[in-house]
PDB file of N, CA and C in Angstrom:
ATOM      1  N   MET A   1     -55.580 -34.849 134.778  1.00  0.00           N
ATOM      2  CA  MET A   1     -56.489 -36.086 134.112  1.00  0.00           C
ATOM      3  C   MET A   1     -55.636 -37.490 135.187  1.00  0.00           C
ATOM      4  N   PRO A   2     -56.670 -37.622 136.241  1.00  0.00           N
ATOM      5  CA  PRO A   2     -55.992 -39.015 137.025  1.00  0.00           C
ATOM      6  C   PRO A   2     -55.968 -40.141 136.201  1.00  0.00           C
ATOM      7  N   VAL A   3     -54.706 -40.883 136.028  1.00  0.00           N
ATOM      8  CA  VAL A   3     -54.242 -42.189 135.565  1.00  0.00           C
ATOM      9  C   VAL A   3     -53.582 -43.411 136.712  1.00  0.00           C
ATOM     10  N   THR A   4     -53.909 -44.097 136.243  1.00  0.00           N
ATOM     11  CA  THR A   4     -52.815 -45.123 137.114  1.00  0.00           C
ATOM     12  C   THR A   4     -51.631 -45.602 136.841  1.00  0.00           C
ATOM     13  N   LEU A   5     -50.922 -45.886 137.686  1.00  0.00           N
ATOM     14  CA  LEU A   5     -49.922 -46.487 137.793  1.00  0.00           C
ATOM     15  C   LEU A   5     -49.205 -46.888 136.689  1.00  0.00           C
ATOM     16  N   ALA A   6     -50.078 -48.075 136.471  1.00  0.00           N
ATOM     17  CA  ALA A   6     -49.664 -49.383 135.595  1.00  0.00           C
ATOM     18  C   ALA A   6     -49.752 -48.389 134.273  1.00  0.00           C
ATOM     19  N   GLU A   7     -50.599 -46.967 133.983  1.00  0.00           N
ATOM     20  CA  GLU A   7     -50.961 -46.410 132.673  1.00  0.00           C
ATOM     21  C   GLU A   7     -49.630 -46.216 132.283  1.00  0.00           C
ATOM     22  N   LEU A   8     -48.932 -44.990 133.716  1.00  0.00           N
ATOM     23  CA  LEU A   8     -47.838 -44.417 133.529  1.00  0.00           C
ATOM     24  C   LEU A   8     -46.241 -45.280 133.684  1.00  0.00           C
ATOM     25  N   ALA A   9     -46.394 -46.776 133.865  1.00  0.00           N
ATOM     26  CA  ALA A   9     -45.746 -47.795 133.710  1.00  0.00           C
ATOM     27  C   ALA A   9     -45.407 -47.722 131.911  1.00  0.00           C
ATOM     28  N   ARG A  10     -46.768 -47.810 131.499  1.00  0.00           N
ATOM     29  CA  ARG A  10     -46.478 -48.050 129.836  1.00  0.00           C
ATOM     30  C   ARG A  10     -46.208 -46.953 129.087  1.00  0.00           C
ATOM     31  N   ARG A  11     -46.330 -45.628 129.766  1.00  0.00           N
ATOM     32  CA  ARG A  11     -45.825 -44.878 128.828  1.00  0.00           C
ATOM     33  C   ARG A  11     -44.312 -44.682 128.964  1.00  0.00           C
ATOM     34  N   PHE A  12     -44.038 -44.211 129.932  1.00  0.00           N
ATOM     35  CA  PHE A  12     -42.481 -44.197 130.341  1.00  0.00           C
ATOM     36  C   PHE A  12     -41.480 -45.840 130.564  1.00  0.00           C
ATOM     37  N   HIS A  13     -42.043 -47.044 130.382  1.00  0.00           N
ATOM     38  CA  HIS A  13     -41.272 -47.955 129.742  1.00  0.00           C
ATOM     39  C   HIS A  13     -40.412 -48.546 131.415  1.00  0.00           C
ATOM     40  N   GLY A  14     -41.232 -48.222 132.172  1.00  0.00           N
ATOM     41  CA  GLY A  14     -40.836 -48.036 133.527  1.00  0.00           C
ATOM     42  C   GLY A  14     -41.462 -50.128 134.141  1.00  0.00           C
ATOM     43  N   THR A  15     -41.395 -50.332 135.240  1.00  0.00           N
ATOM     44  CA  THR A  15     -42.337 -51.342 136.279  1.00  0.00           C
ATOM     45  C   THR A  15     -42.688 -51.401 137.018  1.00  0.00           C
ATOM     46  N   VAL A  16     -43.926 -51.480 137.167  1.00  0.00           N
ATOM     47  CA  VAL A  16     -44.097 -51.274 139.076  1.00  0.00           C
ATOM     48  C   VAL A  16     -44.072 -52.060 140.165  1.00  0.00           C
ATOM     49  N   ARG A  17     -43.410 -51.933 141.149  1.00  0.00           N
ATOM     50  CA  ARG A  17     -43.817 -52.658 142.308  1.00  0.00           C
ATOM     51  C   ARG A  17     -44.779 -52.191 143.241  1.00  0.00           C
ATOM     52  N   GLY A  18     -45.908 -52.735 143.724  1.00  0.00           N
ATOM     53  CA  GLY A  18     -46.752 -52.961 144.831  1.00  0.00           C
ATOM     54  C   GLY A  18     -47.835 -52.839 143.789  1.00  0.00           C
ATOM     55  N   ASN A  19     -49.079 -52.011 143.797  1.00  0.00           N
ATOM     56  CA  ASN A  19     -50.178 -51.693 143.379  1.00  0.00           C
ATOM     57  C   ASN A  19     -50.374 -51.047 141.685  1.00  0.00           C
ATOM     58  N   PRO A  20     -50.321 -51.648 140.930  1.00  0.00           N
ATOM     59  CA  PRO A  20     -50.512 -51.011 139.766  1.00  0.00           C
ATOM     60  C   PRO A  20     -51.592 -50.203 139.372  1.00  0.00           C
ATOM     61  N   ASP A  21     -52.976 -49.953 140.530  1.00  0.00           N
ATOM     62  CA  ASP A  21     -53.888 -49.772 140.252  1.00  0.00           C
ATOM     63  C   ASP A  21     -54.120 -48.289 140.954  1.00  0.00           C
ATOM     64  N   VAL A  22     -52.934 -47.524 141.469  1.00  0.00           N
ATOM     65  CA  VAL A  22     -53.157 -46.878 142.359  1.00  0.00           C
ATOM     66  C   VAL A  22     -53.402 -45.758 141.372  1.00  0.00           C
ATOM     67  N   ILE A  23     -54.136 -44.929 141.690  1.00  0.00           N
ATOM     68  CA  ILE A  23     -54.425 -43.167 141.068  1.00  0.00           C
ATOM     69  C   ILE A  23     -53.326 -42.256 141.484  1.00  0.00           C
ATOM     70  N   ILE A  24     -53.364 -41.911 140.312  1.00  0.00           N
ATOM     71  CA  ILE A  24     -52.388 -40.707 140.214  1.00  0.00           C
ATOM     72  C   ILE A  24     -53.001 -39.818 139.687  1.00  0.00           C
ATOM     73  N   GLU A  25     -53.031 -38.307 140.855  1.00  0.00           N
ATOM     74  CA  GLU A  25     -53.728 -37.232 140.023  1.00  0.00           C
ATOM     75  C   GLU A  25     -52.838 -35.969 139.787  1.00  0.00           C
ATOM     76  N   ARG A  26     -51.632 -36.090 140.346  1.00  0.00           N
ATOM     77  CA  ARG A  26     -50.881 -34.880 140.688  1.00  0.00           C
ATOM     78  C   ARG A  26     -49.166 -35.302 140.937  1.00  0.00           C
ATOM     79  N   VAL A  27     -48.359 -34.241 140.221  1.00  0.00           N
ATOM     80  CA  VAL A  27     -47.236 -34.175 140.935  1.00  0.00           C
ATOM     81  C   VAL A  27     -46.889 -33.687 142.226  1.00  0.00           C
ATOM     82  N   ALA A  28     -45.798 -34.164 143.099  1.00  0.00           N
ATOM     83  CA  ALA A  28     -45.381 -33.576 144.299  1.00  0.00           C
ATOM     84  C   ALA A  28     -43.927 -33.671 144.976  1.00  0.00           C
ATOM     85  N   ALA A  29     -43.655 -32.688 145.462  1.00  0.00           N
ATOM     86  CA  ALA A  29     -42.266 -33.152 146.471  1.00  0.00           C
ATOM     87  C   ALA A  29     -42.300 -34.489 147.081  1.00  0.00           C
ATOM     88  N   LEU A  30     -40.866 -34.914 147.642  1.00  0.00           N
ATOM     89  CA  LEU A  30     -41.315 -35.891 148.413  1.00  0.00           C
ATOM     90  C   LEU A  30     -42.096 -35.382 149.592  1.00  0.00           C
ATOM     91  N   ASP A  31     -41.358 -34.535 150.270  1.00  0.00           N
ATOM     92  CA  ASP A  31     -42.370 -34.103 151.415  1.00  0.00           C
ATOM     93  C   ASP A  31     -43.043 -33.985 151.652  1.00  0.00           C
ATOM     94  N   THR A  32     -44.236 -33.283 150.533  1.00  0.00           N
ATOM     95  CA  THR A  32     -45.237 -32.887 150.937  1.00  0.00           C
ATOM     96  C   THR A  32     -46.593 -33.635 149.768  1.00  0.00           C
ATOM     97  N   ALA A  33     -45.741 -34.685 149.167  1.00  0.00           N
ATOM     98  CA  ALA A  33     -46.991 -35.598 148.609  1.00  0.00           C
ATOM     99  C   ALA A  33     -47.740 -36.480 149.397  1.00  0.00           C
ATOM    100  N   GLY A  34     -48.996 -36.471 148.946  1.00  0.00           N
ATOM    101  CA  GLY A  34     -50.100 -37.396 149.329  1.00  0.00           C
ATOM    102  C   GLY A  34     -50.352 -38.358 148.539  1.00  0.00           C
ATOM    103  N   SER A  35     -51.481 -39.278 149.060  1.00  0.00           N
ATOM    104  CA  SER A  35     -51.674 -40.460 148.439  1.00  0.00           C
ATOM    105  C   SER A  35     -52.187 -41.093 146.990  1.00  0.00           C
ATOM    106  N   ARG A  36     -52.218 -39.328 146.400  1.00  0.00           N
ATOM    107  CA  ARG A  36     -52.758 -39.856 145.109  1.00  0.00           C
ATOM    108  C   ARG A  36     -51.621 -38.587 144.095  1.00  0.00           C
ATOM    109  N   ASP A  37     -50.830 -38.619 144.839  1.00  0.00           N
ATOM    110  CA  ASP A  37     -49.273 -37.823 143.956  1.00  0.00           C
ATOM    111  C   ASP A  37     -48.526 -38.875 143.829  1.00  0.00           C
ATOM    112  N   ILE A  38     -47.818 -38.516 142.531  1.00  0.00           N
ATOM    113  CA  ILE A  38     -46.311 -39.592 142.507  1.00  0.00           C
ATOM    114  C   ILE A  38     -44.992 -38.127 142.516  1.00  0.00           C
ATOM    115  N   THR A  39     -44.028 -38.808 143.354  1.00  0.00           N
ATOM    116  CA  THR A  39     -43.158 -37.944 143.271  1.00  0.00           C
ATOM    117  C   THR A  39     -41.763 -39.005 142.984  1.00  0.00           C
ATOM    118  N   PHE A  40     -40.333 -38.324 142.846  1.00  0.00           N
ATOM    119  CA  PHE A  40     -39.471 -39.342 142.381  1.00  0.00           C
ATOM    120  C   PHE A  40     -38.416 -39.354 143.916  1.00  0.00           C
ATOM    121  N   PHE A  41     -37.347 -39.791 143.400  1.00  0.00           N
ATOM    122  CA  PHE A  41     -36.020 -40.549 144.320  1.00  0.00           C
ATOM    123  C   PHE A  41     -35.209 -40.498 143.627  1.00  0.00           C
ATOM    124  N   SER A  42     -33.956 -39.545 143.512  1.00  0.00           N
ATOM    125  CA  SER A  42     -33.059 -39.606 142.493  1.00  0.00           C
ATOM    126  C   SER A  42     -31.528 -39.307 143.631  1.00  0.00           C
ATOM    127  N   ASP A  43     -31.688 -38.501 144.498  1.00  0.00           N
ATOM    128  CA  ASP A  43     -30.430 -38.358 145.227  1.00  0.00           C
ATOM    129  C   ASP A  43     -30.326 -38.967 146.614  1.00  0.00           C
ATOM    130  N   LYS A  44     -29.360 -39.408 147.072  1.00  0.00           N
ATOM    131  CA  LYS A  44     -29.331 -40.342 148.425  1.00  0.00           C
ATOM    132  C   LYS A  44     -29.750 -38.893 149.690  1.00  0.00           C
ATOM    133  N   LYS A  45     -29.501 -37.668 149.178  1.00  0.00           N
ATOM    134  CA  LYS A  45     -29.488 -37.281 150.637  1.00  0.00           C
ATOM    135  C   LYS A  45     -30.664 -37.199 150.954  1.00  0.00           C
ATOM    136  N   TYR A  46     -31.455 -37.269 150.198  1.00  0.00           N
ATOM    137  CA  TYR A  46     -33.142 -36.962 150.297  1.00  0.00           C
ATOM    138  C   TYR A  46     -33.664 -38.446 150.850  1.00  0.00           C
ATOM    139  N   LEU A  47     -32.756 -39.254 151.508  1.00  0.00           N
ATOM    140  CA  LEU A  47     -33.300 -40.649 151.949  1.00  0.00           C
ATOM    141  C   LEU A  47     -34.309 -40.412 153.131  1.00  0.00           C
ATOM    142  N   SER A  48     -34.248 -39.474 153.868  1.00  0.00           N
ATOM    143  CA  SER A  48     -34.463 -39.235 155.119  1.00  0.00           C
ATOM    144  C   SER A  48     -36.053 -38.834 154.580  1.00  0.00           C
ATOM    145  N   LEU A  49     -36.521 -38.082 153.343  1.00  0.00           N
ATOM    146  CA  LEU A  49     -37.613 -37.942 152.601  1.00  0.00           C
ATOM    147  C   LEU A  49     -38.246 -38.798 152.104  1.00  0.00           C
ATOM    148  N   LEU A  50     -37.552 -39.539 151.376  1.00  0.00           N
ATOM    149  CA  LEU A  50     -37.990 -40.921 151.098  1.00  0.00           C
ATOM    150  C   LEU A  50     -38.889 -41.836 151.950  1.00  0.00           C
ATOM    151  N   THR A  51     -38.329 -42.243 153.198  1.00  0.00           N
ATOM    152  CA  THR A  51     -38.504 -43.433 153.791  1.00  0.00           C
ATOM    153  C   THR A  51     -40.118 -42.628 155.006  1.00  0.00           C
ATOM    154  N   GLY A  52     -40.128 -41.370 154.587  1.00  0.00           N
ATOM    155  CA  GLY A  52     -41.338 -40.578 155.492  1.00  0.00           C
ATOM    156  C   GLY A  52     -42.174 -40.418 154.428  1.00  0.00           C
ATOM    157  N   THR A  53     -42.132 -40.214 153.024  1.00  0.00           N
ATOM    158  CA  THR A  53     -43.166 -39.500 151.810  1.00  0.00           C
ATOM    159  C   THR A  53     -44.622 -40.602 151.911  1.00  0.00           C
ATOM    160  N   SER A  54     -45.834 -39.716 151.965  1.00  0.00           N
ATOM    161  CA  SER A  54     -46.876 -40.229 152.071  1.00  0.00           C
ATOM    162  C   SER A  54     -47.127 -40.684 150.269  1.00  0.00           C
ATOM    163  N   ALA A  55     -46.497 -40.420 149.573  1.00  0.00           N
ATOM    164  CA  ALA A  55     -46.702 -40.355 148.227  1.00  0.00           C
ATOM    165  C   ALA A  55     -47.492 -41.824 147.610  1.00  0.00           C
ATOM    166  N   GLY A  56     -48.476 -41.613 146.483  1.00  0.00           N
ATOM    167  CA  GLY A  56     -49.023 -42.709 146.327  1.00  0.00           C
ATOM    168  C   GLY A  56     -47.950 -43.895 145.543  1.00  0.00           C
ATOM    169  N   ALA A  57     -46.924 -42.980 145.134  1.00  0.00           N
ATOM    170  CA  ALA A  57     -45.645 -44.002 144.496  1.00  0.00           C
ATOM    171  C   ALA A  57     -44.714 -43.094 144.419  1.00  0.00           C
ATOM    172  N   VAL A  58     -43.567 -43.915 144.071  1.00  0.00           N
ATOM    173  CA  VAL A  58     -42.516 -42.933 143.925  1.00  0.00           C
ATOM    174  C   VAL A  58     -41.904 -43.678 142.733  1.00  0.00           C
ATOM    175  N   ILE A  59     -40.998 -42.337 141.539  1.00  0.00           N
ATOM    176  CA  ILE A  59     -40.328 -43.045 140.490  1.00  0.00           C
ATOM    177  C   ILE A  59     -39.313 -43.161 141.071  1.00  0.00           C
ATOM    178  N   ILE A  60     -38.409 -44.366 141.207  1.00  0.00           N
ATOM    179  CA  ILE A  60     -37.054 -44.633 141.408  1.00  0.00           C
ATOM    180  C   ILE A  60     -36.761 -45.872 140.650  1.00  0.00           C
ATOM    181  N   THR A  61     -35.181 -45.887 140.526  1.00  0.00           N
ATOM    182  CA  THR A  61     -34.450 -46.963 140.568  1.00  0.00           C
ATOM    183  C   THR A  61     -34.142 -48.308 140.830  1.00  0.00           C
ATOM    184  N   GLN A  62     -33.812 -48.902 140.211  1.00  0.00           N
ATOM    185  CA  GLN A  62     -34.198 -50.290 140.328  1.00  0.00           C
ATOM    186  C   GLN A  62     -32.966 -50.151 141.720  1.00  0.00           C
ATOM    187  N   GLY A  63     -31.864 -49.851 141.784  1.00  0.00           N
ATOM    188  CA  GLY A  63     -30.792 -49.873 142.317  1.00  0.00           C
ATOM    189  C   GLY A  63     -31.120 -48.791 143.765  1.00  0.00           C
ATOM    190  N   ASP A  64     -31.976 -47.897 143.684  1.00  0.00           N
ATOM    191  CA  ASP A  64     -32.298 -47.356 144.726  1.00  0.00           C
ATOM    192  C   ASP A  64     -33.479 -48.379 145.320  1.00  0.00           C
ATOM    193  N   SER A  65     -34.509 -48.918 144.607  1.00  0.00           N
ATOM    194  CA  SER A  65     -36.078 -49.282 145.123  1.00  0.00           C
ATOM    195  C   SER A  65     -35.889 -49.570 146.597  1.00  0.00           C
ATOM    196  N   GLY A  66     -34.649 -50.652 147.139  1.00  0.00           N
ATOM    197  CA  GLY A  66     -34.284 -51.225 148.293  1.00  0.00           C
ATOM    198  C   GLY A  66     -34.554 -50.407 149.358  1.00  0.00           C
ATOM    199  N   GLN A  67     -34.454 -48.809 149.037  1.00  0.00           N
ATOM    200  CA  GLN A  67     -34.684 -48.224 150.079  1.00  0.00           C
ATOM    201  C   GLN A  67     -35.809 -47.649 150.478  1.00  0.00           C
ATOM    202  N   PHE A  68     -36.728 -48.334 149.443  1.00  0.00           N
ATOM    203  CA  PHE A  68     -38.239 -47.652 149.630  1.00  0.00           C
ATOM    204  C   PHE A  68     -39.428 -48.491 149.687  1.00  0.00           C
ATOM    205  N   SER A  69     -39.988 -49.240 150.942  1.00  0.00           N
ATOM    206  CA  SER A  69     -40.931 -50.128 150.872  1.00  0.00           C
ATOM    207  C   SER A  69     -42.223 -49.929 150.178  1.00  0.00           C
ATOM    208  N   GLY A  70     -42.576 -48.708 149.788  1.00  0.00           N
ATOM    209  CA  GLY A  70     -43.871 -48.230 149.244  1.00  0.00           C
ATOM    210  C   GLY A  70     -44.242 -48.837 147.697  1.00  0.00           C
ATOM    211  N   THR A  71     -45.291 -48.433 147.180  1.00  0.00           N
ATOM    212  CA  THR A  71     -45.377 -48.479 145.444  1.00  0.00           C
ATOM    213  C   THR A  71     -44.579 -47.932 144.966  1.00  0.00           C
ATOM    214  N   ALA A  72     -44.217 -48.502 143.703  1.00  0.00           N
ATOM    215  CA  ALA A  72     -42.849 -47.621 142.680  1.00  0.00           C
ATOM    216  C   ALA A  72     -42.820 -47.717 141.397  1.00  0.00           C
ATOM    217  N   LEU A  73     -42.715 -46.588 140.796  1.00  0.00           N
ATOM    218  CA  LEU A  73     -42.432 -47.101 139.464  1.00  0.00           C
ATOM    219  C   LEU A  73     -41.124 -46.979 139.137  1.00  0.00           C
ATOM    220  N   ILE A  74     -40.604 -47.987 138.467  1.00  0.00           N
ATOM    221  CA  ILE A  74     -38.921 -48.638 138.267  1.00  0.00           C
ATOM    222  C   ILE A  74     -38.754 -48.291 137.454  1.00  0.00           C
ATOM    223  N   VAL A  75     -37.836 -47.161 136.960  1.00  0.00           N
ATOM    224  CA  VAL A  75     -37.323 -46.745 135.382  1.00  0.00           C
ATOM    225  C   VAL A  75     -36.061 -46.479 135.882  1.00  0.00           C
ATOM    226  N   ASP A  76     -35.228 -46.039 134.590  1.00  0.00           N
ATOM    227  CA  ASP A  76     -33.429 -45.747 134.423  1.00  0.00           C
ATOM    228  C   ASP A  76     -32.985 -44.389 135.075  1.00  0.00           C
ATOM    229  N   ASN A  77     -34.001 -43.253 134.861  1.00  0.00           N
ATOM    230  CA  ASN A  77     -33.760 -42.412 134.656  1.00  0.00           C
ATOM    231  C   ASN A  77     -34.996 -41.387 135.844  1.00  0.00           C
ATOM    232  N   PRO A  78     -35.325 -41.565 137.191  1.00  0.00           N
ATOM    233  CA  PRO A  78     -36.490 -40.805 137.792  1.00  0.00           C
ATOM    234  C   PRO A  78     -36.339 -39.466 137.260  1.00  0.00           C
ATOM    235  N   HIS A  79     -35.832 -39.074 137.321  1.00  0.00           N
ATOM    236  CA  HIS A  79     -35.686 -37.375 137.360  1.00  0.00           C
ATOM    237  C   HIS A  79     -36.125 -37.204 135.966  1.00  0.00           C
ATOM    238  N   LEU A  80     -35.440 -37.226 134.740  1.00  0.00           N
ATOM    239  CA  LEU A  80     -36.044 -37.291 133.372  1.00  0.00           C
ATOM    240  C   LEU A  80     -37.836 -37.737 133.110  1.00  0.00           C
ATOM    241  N   THR A  81     -38.092 -39.171 133.848  1.00  0.00           N
ATOM    242  CA  THR A  81     -39.290 -39.683 133.843  1.00  0.00           C
ATOM    243  C   THR A  81     -40.511 -38.836 134.233  1.00  0.00           C
ATOM    244  N   PHE A  82     -40.320 -37.746 136.151  1.00  0.00           N
ATOM    245  CA  PHE A  82     -40.508 -37.309 136.571  1.00  0.00           C
ATOM    246  C   PHE A  82     -41.000 -36.021 135.563  1.00  0.00           C
ATOM    247  N   ALA A  83     -39.874 -35.474 135.155  1.00  0.00           N
ATOM    248  CA  ALA A  83     -39.812 -34.502 134.579  1.00  0.00           C
ATOM    249  C   ALA A  83     -41.024 -34.353 132.925  1.00  0.00           C
ATOM    250  N   ALA A  84     -40.800 -35.648 132.291  1.00  0.00           N
ATOM    251  CA  ALA A  84     -42.023 -35.589 131.334  1.00  0.00           C
ATOM    252  C   ALA A  84     -43.414 -35.881 132.040  1.00  0.00           C
TER     253      ALA A  84
END
């Protein structure tokens, strides 16, 4: 079921950086995500995938958010949020 990034931020007590109206339809890996997918980043060994992702949004920590210039859902625990 499609949902906006703003709604996900409300559900998971996160903060949106960028466009809160992005429509999210699916979850995907950093390297396969498209414009209607959400993915997450929590391990610096995947930094090259983060910078090249086509995801509509990335779930990321505040501390790592400087590594990504796109639309993001900033939370304390990206892996846990992605799994939920």
